[in-house]
């Protein structure tokens, strides 16, 4: 269970690159997803939201709220990959040695990573959503102003984030490792497929999480779930599902590809 500082440092650098690249690619889909999930009327389409966004903010409106995930990309990706690798070591140390073909350790390590990264993901998403749904058109200084004013709590909705991320991160790494190890998929395709699959499963929890974090007042998860069902029925839990799935493949494909290319380049240089 030794700590490889070189490996950790590499994860920080290449994880930052992969996370930043993935966030830039996926930000337009994420902005539209958030607006669809917090809207009052379920009838408006993805196209209608795109038109409204461009009318209000121009094309740059698709990149509202990009600062928090970009700023946190290095920390998040370093935490995600480092905690996943730590989870693999903990599994073998605490339970039993496992072969590379044993996928139970992958799932366990993925769930562990999902739990740990909630500490990083929650503040990022709180501020990102606050920027995406706020009514003012100003962008500069918004993030700093919210921090100083205490307008939002950095860990608002953390239980909803945990319910979304812990199981789906386990599934995420399982699909990726399964596709690359046993079926010979390349990193780009496997990463995209893993991301799309995990986010498809995460949609209901993500809807609840977004509503909780976008609410101006404290909104308990149970009350949020009942409210969504009362307003829209079971379909309400899949609001914004299309942009989520459209976003998931390219974001995770790019992130995994950049990450592993960076790992190979660092191995050659170091």
C-alpha atoms as a PDB file:
ATOM      1  CA  UNK A   1       0.000   0.000   0.000  1.00  0.00           C
ATOM      2  CA  UNK A   2       2.871   2.383  -0.751  1.00  0.00           C
ATOM      3  CA  UNK A   3       2.130   5.875  -2.031  1.00  0.00           C
ATOM      4  CA  UNK A   4       3.651   6.569  -5.442  1.00  0.00           C
ATOM      5  CA  UNK A   5       4.196  10.346  -5.448  1.00  0.00           C
ATOM      6  CA  UNK A   6       5.179  10.298  -9.105  1.00  0.00           C
ATOM      7  CA  UNK A   7       1.869   8.629  -9.961  1.00  0.00           C
ATOM      8  CA  UNK A   8      -0.084  11.146  -7.884  1.00  0.00           C
ATOM      9  CA  UNK A   9       1.711  14.069  -9.523  1.00  0.00           C
ATOM     10  CA  UNK A  10       1.016  12.629 -12.954  1.00  0.00           C
ATOM     11  CA  UNK A  11      -2.665  12.205 -12.096  1.00  0.00           C
ATOM     12  CA  UNK A  12      -2.855  15.862 -11.080  1.00  0.00           C
ATOM     13  CA  UNK A  13      -1.325  17.175 -14.303  1.00  0.00           C
ATOM     14  CA  UNK A  14      -2.921  14.899 -16.884  1.00  0.00           C
ATOM     15  CA  UNK A  15      -6.163  14.737 -14.927  1.00  0.00           C
ATOM     16  CA  UNK A  16      -6.357  18.520 -15.112  1.00  0.00           C
ATOM     17  CA  UNK A  17      -5.910  18.409 -18.883  1.00  0.00           C
ATOM     18  CA  UNK A  18      -8.481  15.651 -19.345  1.00  0.00           C
ATOM     19  CA  UNK A  19     -10.992  17.254 -17.031  1.00  0.00           C
ATOM     20  CA  UNK A  20     -10.639  20.687 -18.595  1.00  0.00           C
ATOM     21  CA  UNK A  21     -10.957  19.339 -22.136  1.00  0.00           C
ATOM     22  CA  UNK A  22     -14.028  17.304 -21.225  1.00  0.00           C
ATOM     23  CA  UNK A  23     -15.705  20.225 -19.464  1.00  0.00           C
ATOM     24  CA  UNK A  24     -15.233  22.587 -22.405  1.00  0.00           C
ATOM     25  CA  UNK A  25     -16.692  20.021 -24.802  1.00  0.00           C
ATOM     26  CA  UNK A  26     -19.678  19.285 -22.582  1.00  0.00           C
ATOM     27  CA  UNK A  27     -20.528  22.720 -21.173  1.00  0.00           C
ATOM     28  CA  UNK A  28     -23.175  23.700 -23.787  1.00  0.00           C
ATOM     29  CA  UNK A  29     -25.084  20.465 -23.130  1.00  0.00           C
ATOM     30  CA  UNK A  30     -24.791  20.976 -19.380  1.00  0.00           C
ATOM     31  CA  UNK A  31     -26.191  24.509 -19.488  1.00  0.00           C
ATOM     32  CA  UNK A  32     -29.242  23.384 -21.471  1.00  0.00           C
ATOM     33  CA  UNK A  33     -29.718  20.348 -19.212  1.00  0.00           C
ATOM     34  CA  UNK A  34     -29.795  22.533 -16.114  1.00  0.00           C
ATOM     35  CA  UNK A  35     -32.298  24.958 -17.613  1.00  0.00           C
ATOM     36  CA  UNK A  36     -34.565  22.099 -18.689  1.00  0.00           C
ATOM     37  CA  UNK A  37     -34.492  20.557 -15.216  1.00  0.00           C
ATOM     38  CA  UNK A  38     -35.358  23.729 -13.318  1.00  0.00           C
ATOM     39  CA  UNK A  39     -38.008  25.081 -15.713  1.00  0.00           C
ATOM     40  CA  UNK A  40     -41.569  25.528 -14.516  1.00  0.00           C
ATOM     41  CA  UNK A  41     -43.131  24.002 -17.629  1.00  0.00           C
ATOM     42  CA  UNK A  42     -42.125  20.512 -18.855  1.00  0.00           C
ATOM     43  CA  UNK A  43     -43.404  21.116 -22.368  1.00  0.00           C
ATOM     44  CA  UNK A  44     -40.558  23.259 -23.731  1.00  0.00           C
ATOM     45  CA  UNK A  45     -38.121  21.454 -25.994  1.00  0.00           C
ATOM     46  CA  UNK A  46     -34.344  21.370 -26.144  1.00  0.00           C
ATOM     47  CA  UNK A  47     -34.443  23.546 -29.286  1.00  0.00           C
ATOM     48  CA  UNK A  48     -36.676  26.110 -27.576  1.00  0.00           C
ATOM     49  CA  UNK A  49     -34.219  26.375 -24.688  1.00  0.00           C
ATOM     50  CA  UNK A  50     -31.304  26.827 -27.102  1.00  0.00           C
ATOM     51  CA  UNK A  51     -33.089  29.651 -28.901  1.00  0.00           C
ATOM     52  CA  UNK A  52     -33.982  31.367 -25.638  1.00  0.00           C
ATOM     53  CA  UNK A  53     -30.419  31.088 -24.347  1.00  0.00           C
ATOM     54  CA  UNK A  54     -28.932  32.609 -27.512  1.00  0.00           C
ATOM     55  CA  UNK A  55     -31.508  35.404 -27.461  1.00  0.00           C
ATOM     56  CA  UNK A  56     -30.660  36.294 -23.853  1.00  0.00           C
ATOM     57  CA  UNK A  57     -26.892  35.842 -23.750  1.00  0.00           C
ATOM     58  CA  UNK A  58     -25.648  35.169 -27.267  1.00  0.00           C
ATOM     59  CA  UNK A  59     -23.564  32.139 -28.202  1.00  0.00           C
ATOM     60  CA  UNK A  60     -21.388  32.592 -25.112  1.00  0.00           C
ATOM     61  CA  UNK A  61     -24.468  31.779 -23.040  1.00  0.00           C
ATOM     62  CA  UNK A  62     -23.729  28.111 -23.733  1.00  0.00           C
ATOM     63  CA  UNK A  63     -20.610  28.487 -21.595  1.00  0.00           C
ATOM     64  CA  UNK A  64     -22.195  30.119 -18.547  1.00  0.00           C
ATOM     65  CA  UNK A  65     -20.975  28.571 -15.326  1.00  0.00           C
ATOM     66  CA  UNK A  66     -17.830  27.170 -16.945  1.00  0.00           C
ATOM     67  CA  UNK A  67     -15.423  28.725 -14.427  1.00  0.00           C
ATOM     68  CA  UNK A  68     -16.166  26.436 -11.422  1.00  0.00           C
ATOM     69  CA  UNK A  69     -15.682  23.108 -13.262  1.00  0.00           C
ATOM     70  CA  UNK A  70     -12.609  24.404 -15.096  1.00  0.00           C
ATOM     71  CA  UNK A  71     -11.093  25.753 -11.896  1.00  0.00           C
ATOM     72  CA  UNK A  72     -11.822  22.488 -10.123  1.00  0.00           C
ATOM     73  CA  UNK A  73     -10.837  20.157 -12.971  1.00  0.00           C
ATOM     74  CA  UNK A  74      -7.345  19.440 -11.663  1.00  0.00           C
ATOM     75  CA  UNK A  75      -8.517  18.836  -8.091  1.00  0.00           C
ATOM     76  CA  UNK A  76     -11.508  16.736  -9.140  1.00  0.00           C
ATOM     77  CA  UNK A  77      -9.684  14.514 -11.624  1.00  0.00           C
ATOM     78  CA  UNK A  78      -6.731  14.051  -9.283  1.00  0.00           C
ATOM     79  CA  UNK A  79      -9.151  13.058  -6.517  1.00  0.00           C
ATOM     80  CA  UNK A  80     -11.176  10.795  -8.812  1.00  0.00           C
ATOM     81  CA  UNK A  81      -8.288   8.787 -10.213  1.00  0.00           C
ATOM     82  CA  UNK A  82      -6.202   8.802  -7.030  1.00  0.00           C
ATOM     83  CA  UNK A  83      -9.138   7.614  -4.903  1.00  0.00           C
ATOM     84  CA  UNK A  84     -10.031   4.966  -7.494  1.00  0.00           C
ATOM     85  CA  UNK A  85      -6.472   3.625  -7.444  1.00  0.00           C
ATOM     86  CA  UNK A  86      -6.439   3.819  -3.641  1.00  0.00           C
ATOM     87  CA  UNK A  87      -9.713   1.900  -3.588  1.00  0.00           C
ATOM     88  CA  UNK A  88      -8.174  -0.867  -5.658  1.00  0.00           C
ATOM     89  CA  UNK A  89      -5.271  -1.153  -3.207  1.00  0.00           C
ATOM     90  CA  UNK A  90      -7.586  -1.042  -0.184  1.00  0.00           C
ATOM     91  CA  UNK A  91      -9.739  -3.812  -1.644  1.00  0.00           C
ATOM     92  CA  UNK A  92      -6.790  -6.166  -2.015  1.00  0.00           C
ATOM     93  CA  UNK A  93      -5.284  -5.180   1.338  1.00  0.00           C
ATOM     94  CA  UNK A  94      -8.488  -5.397   3.359  1.00  0.00           C
ATOM     95  CA  UNK A  95     -10.240  -8.310   1.691  1.00  0.00           C
ATOM     96  CA  UNK A  96      -8.210 -10.448  -0.641  1.00  0.00           C
ATOM     97  CA  UNK A  97      -5.810 -10.373  -3.540  1.00  0.00           C
ATOM     98  CA  UNK A  98      -7.668 -10.083  -6.801  1.00  0.00           C
ATOM     99  CA  UNK A  99      -6.675 -10.812 -10.363  1.00  0.00           C
ATOM    100  CA  UNK A 100      -6.957  -8.252 -13.137  1.00  0.00           C
ATOM    101  CA  UNK A 101     -10.053 -10.085 -14.360  1.00  0.00           C
ATOM    102  CA  UNK A 102     -11.849  -9.689 -11.018  1.00  0.00           C
ATOM    103  CA  UNK A 103     -14.301  -6.864 -11.673  1.00  0.00           C
ATOM    104  CA  UNK A 104     -15.691  -6.764  -8.117  1.00  0.00           C
ATOM    105  CA  UNK A 105     -12.678  -4.748  -6.995  1.00  0.00           C
ATOM    106  CA  UNK A 106     -13.283  -2.314  -9.860  1.00  0.00           C
ATOM    107  CA  UNK A 107     -16.871  -1.714  -8.750  1.00  0.00           C
ATOM    108  CA  UNK A 108     -15.847  -1.341  -5.087  1.00  0.00           C
ATOM    109  CA  UNK A 109     -13.037   1.077  -5.951  1.00  0.00           C
ATOM    110  CA  UNK A 110     -15.378   3.036  -8.224  1.00  0.00           C
ATOM    111  CA  UNK A 111     -17.986   3.421  -5.481  1.00  0.00           C
ATOM    112  CA  UNK A 112     -15.221   4.493  -3.085  1.00  0.00           C
ATOM    113  CA  UNK A 113     -14.073   7.102  -5.608  1.00  0.00           C
ATOM    114  CA  UNK A 114     -17.656   8.344  -6.020  1.00  0.00           C
ATOM    115  CA  UNK A 115     -17.982   8.846  -2.262  1.00  0.00           C
ATOM    116  CA  UNK A 116     -14.653  10.662  -1.924  1.00  0.00           C
ATOM    117  CA  UNK A 117     -15.187  12.981  -4.897  1.00  0.00           C
ATOM    118  CA  UNK A 118     -18.507  14.222  -3.486  1.00  0.00           C
ATOM    119  CA  UNK A 119     -16.351  16.525  -1.341  1.00  0.00           C
ATOM    120  CA  UNK A 120     -15.052  18.133  -4.534  1.00  0.00           C
ATOM    121  CA  UNK A 121     -18.044  17.781  -6.845  1.00  0.00           C
ATOM    122  CA  UNK A 122     -20.670  19.353  -4.587  1.00  0.00           C
ATOM    123  CA  UNK A 123     -19.165  22.864  -4.295  1.00  0.00           C
ATOM    124  CA  UNK A 124     -18.347  22.908  -8.010  1.00  0.00           C
ATOM    125  CA  UNK A 125     -21.905  22.053  -8.987  1.00  0.00           C
ATOM    126  CA  UNK A 126     -23.511  24.406  -6.462  1.00  0.00           C
ATOM    127  CA  UNK A 127     -21.723  27.410  -7.925  1.00  0.00           C
ATOM    128  CA  UNK A 128     -22.036  26.206 -11.520  1.00  0.00           C
ATOM    129  CA  UNK A 129     -25.814  25.842 -11.224  1.00  0.00           C
ATOM    130  CA  UNK A 130     -26.104  29.184  -9.464  1.00  0.00           C
ATOM    131  CA  UNK A 131     -24.351  30.821 -12.428  1.00  0.00           C
ATOM    132  CA  UNK A 132     -26.355  28.890 -15.021  1.00  0.00           C
ATOM    133  CA  UNK A 133     -29.815  29.743 -13.681  1.00  0.00           C
ATOM    134  CA  UNK A 134     -29.232  33.246 -12.306  1.00  0.00           C
ATOM    135  CA  UNK A 135     -31.120  35.995 -14.110  1.00  0.00           C
ATOM    136  CA  UNK A 136     -28.420  38.640 -14.403  1.00  0.00           C
ATOM    137  CA  UNK A 137     -26.423  38.765 -17.641  1.00  0.00           C
ATOM    138  CA  UNK A 138     -23.175  39.797 -15.963  1.00  0.00           C
ATOM    139  CA  UNK A 139     -20.490  37.150 -15.816  1.00  0.00           C
ATOM    140  CA  UNK A 140     -17.283  38.630 -14.438  1.00  0.00           C
ATOM    141  CA  UNK A 141     -16.944  38.387 -10.716  1.00  0.00           C
ATOM    142  CA  UNK A 142     -20.148  36.381 -10.202  1.00  0.00           C
ATOM    143  CA  UNK A 143     -18.349  33.421  -8.680  1.00  0.00           C
ATOM    144  CA  UNK A 144     -16.286  35.521  -6.260  1.00  0.00           C
ATOM    145  CA  UNK A 145     -19.319  37.619  -5.329  1.00  0.00           C
ATOM    146  CA  UNK A 146     -21.354  34.545  -4.389  1.00  0.00           C
ATOM    147  CA  UNK A 147     -18.504  33.232  -2.260  1.00  0.00           C
ATOM    148  CA  UNK A 148     -18.165  36.505  -0.379  1.00  0.00           C
ATOM    149  CA  UNK A 149     -21.876  37.091   0.104  1.00  0.00           C
ATOM    150  CA  UNK A 150     -22.680  33.575   1.291  1.00  0.00           C
ATOM    151  CA  UNK A 151     -25.593  33.487  -1.162  1.00  0.00           C
ATOM    152  CA  UNK A 152     -25.103  29.754  -1.637  1.00  0.00           C
ATOM    153  CA  UNK A 153     -23.769  27.066   0.673  1.00  0.00           C
ATOM    154  CA  UNK A 154     -20.884  25.125  -0.930  1.00  0.00           C
ATOM    155  CA  UNK A 155     -22.241  21.766   0.277  1.00  0.00           C
ATOM    156  CA  UNK A 156     -25.898  22.328  -0.475  1.00  0.00           C
ATOM    157  CA  UNK A 157     -27.449  19.086  -1.739  1.00  0.00           C
ATOM    158  CA  UNK A 158     -24.440  16.925  -0.847  1.00  0.00           C
ATOM    159  CA  UNK A 159     -26.632  13.918   0.015  1.00  0.00           C
ATOM    160  CA  UNK A 160     -28.286  14.129  -3.395  1.00  0.00           C
ATOM    161  CA  UNK A 161     -24.843  14.286  -5.022  1.00  0.00           C
ATOM    162  CA  UNK A 162     -23.766  11.238  -3.016  1.00  0.00           C
ATOM    163  CA  UNK A 163     -26.875   9.283  -4.085  1.00  0.00           C
ATOM    164  CA  UNK A 164     -26.061  10.099  -7.700  1.00  0.00           C
ATOM    165  CA  UNK A 165     -22.292   9.630  -7.749  1.00  0.00           C
ATOM    166  CA  UNK A 166     -21.480   6.667  -5.506  1.00  0.00           C
ATOM    167  CA  UNK A 167     -23.326   3.928  -7.454  1.00  0.00           C
ATOM    168  CA  UNK A 168     -22.842   5.428 -10.900  1.00  0.00           C
ATOM    169  CA  UNK A 169     -19.078   5.890 -10.468  1.00  0.00           C
ATOM    170  CA  UNK A 170     -18.821   2.201  -9.631  1.00  0.00           C
ATOM    171  CA  UNK A 171     -20.755   1.386 -12.791  1.00  0.00           C
ATOM    172  CA  UNK A 172     -18.672   3.908 -14.747  1.00  0.00           C
ATOM    173  CA  UNK A 173     -15.320   2.302 -13.983  1.00  0.00           C
ATOM    174  CA  UNK A 174     -16.783  -1.184 -14.370  1.00  0.00           C
ATOM    175  CA  UNK A 175     -17.938  -0.472 -17.936  1.00  0.00           C
ATOM    176  CA  UNK A 176     -14.681   1.219 -18.873  1.00  0.00           C
ATOM    177  CA  UNK A 177     -12.463  -1.568 -17.523  1.00  0.00           C
ATOM    178  CA  UNK A 178     -14.705  -4.270 -18.969  1.00  0.00           C
ATOM    179  CA  UNK A 179     -14.629  -2.756 -22.443  1.00  0.00           C
ATOM    180  CA  UNK A 180     -10.895  -2.128 -22.502  1.00  0.00           C
ATOM    181  CA  UNK A 181      -9.686  -5.297 -20.756  1.00  0.00           C
ATOM    182  CA  UNK A 182     -12.020  -7.952 -22.099  1.00  0.00           C
ATOM    183  CA  UNK A 183     -13.352  -6.541 -25.363  1.00  0.00           C
ATOM    184  CA  UNK A 184     -10.368  -4.570 -26.626  1.00  0.00           C
ATOM    185  CA  UNK A 185     -12.113  -1.203 -26.992  1.00  0.00           C
ATOM    186  CA  UNK A 186      -9.909   1.857 -27.359  1.00  0.00           C
ATOM    187  CA  UNK A 187      -9.845   4.425 -24.560  1.00  0.00           C
ATOM    188  CA  UNK A 188     -11.873   7.029 -26.447  1.00  0.00           C
ATOM    189  CA  UNK A 189     -14.768   4.691 -27.257  1.00  0.00           C
ATOM    190  CA  UNK A 190     -14.729   2.916 -23.904  1.00  0.00           C
ATOM    191  CA  UNK A 191     -14.631   6.197 -22.009  1.00  0.00           C
ATOM    192  CA  UNK A 192     -17.532   7.589 -24.006  1.00  0.00           C
ATOM    193  CA  UNK A 193     -19.609   4.434 -23.584  1.00  0.00           C
ATOM    194  CA  UNK A 194     -18.896   4.292 -19.844  1.00  0.00           C
ATOM    195  CA  UNK A 195     -19.861   7.920 -19.435  1.00  0.00           C
ATOM    196  CA  UNK A 196     -23.062   7.606 -21.466  1.00  0.00           C
ATOM    197  CA  UNK A 197     -24.110   4.476 -19.585  1.00  0.00           C
ATOM    198  CA  UNK A 198     -23.375   5.889 -16.138  1.00  0.00           C
ATOM    199  CA  UNK A 199     -25.126   9.178 -16.843  1.00  0.00           C
ATOM    200  CA  UNK A 200     -28.177   7.400 -18.233  1.00  0.00           C
ATOM    201  CA  UNK A 201     -28.518   5.648 -14.879  1.00  0.00           C
ATOM    202  CA  UNK A 202     -27.841   8.905 -13.027  1.00  0.00           C
ATOM    203  CA  UNK A 203     -30.552  11.022 -14.690  1.00  0.00           C
ATOM    204  CA  UNK A 204     -33.268  10.677 -11.986  1.00  0.00           C
ATOM    205  CA  UNK A 205     -30.827  11.406  -9.167  1.00  0.00           C
ATOM    206  CA  UNK A 206     -29.331  14.270 -11.169  1.00  0.00           C
ATOM    207  CA  UNK A 207     -32.754  15.855 -11.647  1.00  0.00           C
ATOM    208  CA  UNK A 208     -33.361  15.758  -7.886  1.00  0.00           C
ATOM    209  CA  UNK A 209     -29.852  17.049  -7.175  1.00  0.00           C
ATOM    210  CA  UNK A 210     -30.246  19.959  -9.579  1.00  0.00           C
ATOM    211  CA  UNK A 211     -33.628  20.975  -8.180  1.00  0.00           C
ATOM    212  CA  UNK A 212     -32.280  20.865  -4.615  1.00  0.00           C
ATOM    213  CA  UNK A 213     -29.225  22.963  -5.468  1.00  0.00           C
ATOM    214  CA  UNK A 214     -31.142  25.425  -7.650  1.00  0.00           C
ATOM    215  CA  UNK A 215     -33.797  26.064  -5.002  1.00  0.00           C
ATOM    216  CA  UNK A 216     -33.345  29.482  -3.324  1.00  0.00           C
ATOM    217  CA  UNK A 217     -34.482  27.991  -0.005  1.00  0.00           C
ATOM    218  CA  UNK A 218     -33.587  24.740   1.756  1.00  0.00           C
ATOM    219  CA  UNK A 219     -35.337  21.886  -0.049  1.00  0.00           C
ATOM    220  CA  UNK A 220     -35.188  18.410   1.565  1.00  0.00           C
ATOM    221  CA  UNK A 221     -34.539  15.571  -0.881  1.00  0.00           C
ATOM    222  CA  UNK A 222     -37.752  13.741   0.049  1.00  0.00           C
ATOM    223  CA  UNK A 223     -39.858  16.847  -0.463  1.00  0.00           C
ATOM    224  CA  UNK A 224     -38.121  17.476  -3.785  1.00  0.00           C
ATOM    225  CA  UNK A 225     -38.888  13.936  -4.996  1.00  0.00           C
ATOM    226  CA  UNK A 226     -42.557  14.270  -4.038  1.00  0.00           C
ATOM    227  CA  UNK A 227     -42.769  17.663  -5.710  1.00  0.00           C
ATOM    228  CA  UNK A 228     -41.299  16.425  -8.977  1.00  0.00           C
ATOM    229  CA  UNK A 229     -43.670  13.474  -9.099  1.00  0.00           C
ATOM    230  CA  UNK A 230     -46.692  15.604  -8.225  1.00  0.00           C
ATOM    231  CA  UNK A 231     -45.870  18.139 -10.935  1.00  0.00           C
ATOM    232  CA  UNK A 232     -44.781  15.876 -13.796  1.00  0.00           C
ATOM    233  CA  UNK A 233     -45.201  12.251 -12.803  1.00  0.00           C
ATOM    234  CA  UNK A 234     -42.382   9.776 -13.404  1.00  0.00           C
ATOM    235  CA  UNK A 235     -41.379  11.654 -16.578  1.00  0.00           C
ATOM    236  CA  UNK A 236     -40.260  14.530 -14.397  1.00  0.00           C
ATOM    237  CA  UNK A 237     -37.323  12.448 -13.201  1.00  0.00           C
ATOM    238  CA  UNK A 238     -35.958  12.327 -16.748  1.00  0.00           C
ATOM    239  CA  UNK A 239     -36.124  16.064 -17.488  1.00  0.00           C
ATOM    240  CA  UNK A 240     -33.015  17.147 -19.379  1.00  0.00           C
ATOM    241  CA  UNK A 241     -32.150  13.537 -20.127  1.00  0.00           C
ATOM    242  CA  UNK A 242     -31.398  14.097 -23.806  1.00  0.00           C
ATOM    243  CA  UNK A 243     -28.659  16.720 -23.330  1.00  0.00           C
ATOM    244  CA  UNK A 244     -27.232  14.638 -20.471  1.00  0.00           C
ATOM    245  CA  UNK A 245     -26.738  11.609 -22.725  1.00  0.00           C
ATOM    246  CA  UNK A 246     -25.571  13.743 -25.672  1.00  0.00           C
ATOM    247  CA  UNK A 247     -23.023  15.380 -23.385  1.00  0.00           C
ATOM    248  CA  UNK A 248     -21.821  12.248 -21.622  1.00  0.00           C
ATOM    249  CA  UNK A 249     -20.193  10.449 -24.552  1.00  0.00           C
ATOM    250  CA  UNK A 250     -17.899  13.203 -25.891  1.00  0.00           C
ATOM    251  CA  UNK A 251     -17.027  14.563 -22.435  1.00  0.00           C
ATOM    252  CA  UNK A 252     -15.870  11.210 -21.070  1.00  0.00           C
ATOM    253  CA  UNK A 253     -14.353  10.039 -24.346  1.00  0.00           C
ATOM    254  CA  UNK A 254     -12.172  13.172 -24.483  1.00  0.00           C
ATOM    255  CA  UNK A 255     -11.362  13.061 -20.760  1.00  0.00           C
ATOM    256  CA  UNK A 256     -10.187   9.427 -20.820  1.00  0.00           C
ATOM    257  CA  UNK A 257      -8.288   9.854 -24.073  1.00  0.00           C
ATOM    258  CA  UNK A 258      -6.433  12.958 -22.903  1.00  0.00           C
ATOM    259  CA  UNK A 259      -5.782  11.377 -19.507  1.00  0.00           C
ATOM    260  CA  UNK A 260      -4.252   8.163 -20.854  1.00  0.00           C
ATOM    261  CA  UNK A 261      -2.313   9.924 -23.611  1.00  0.00           C
ATOM    262  CA  UNK A 262      -0.889  12.186 -20.943  1.00  0.00           C
ATOM    263  CA  UNK A 263       0.028   9.202 -18.778  1.00  0.00           C
ATOM    264  CA  UNK A 264       1.890   7.581 -21.667  1.00  0.00           C
ATOM    265  CA  UNK A 265       3.708  10.821 -22.512  1.00  0.00           C
ATOM    266  CA  UNK A 266       4.734  11.324 -18.883  1.00  0.00           C
ATOM    267  CA  UNK A 267       6.039   7.748 -18.711  1.00  0.00           C
ATOM    268  CA  UNK A 268       8.226   8.403 -21.744  1.00  0.00           C
ATOM    269  CA  UNK A 269       9.492  11.730 -20.389  1.00  0.00           C
ATOM    270  CA  UNK A 270      10.093  10.547 -16.808  1.00  0.00           C
END
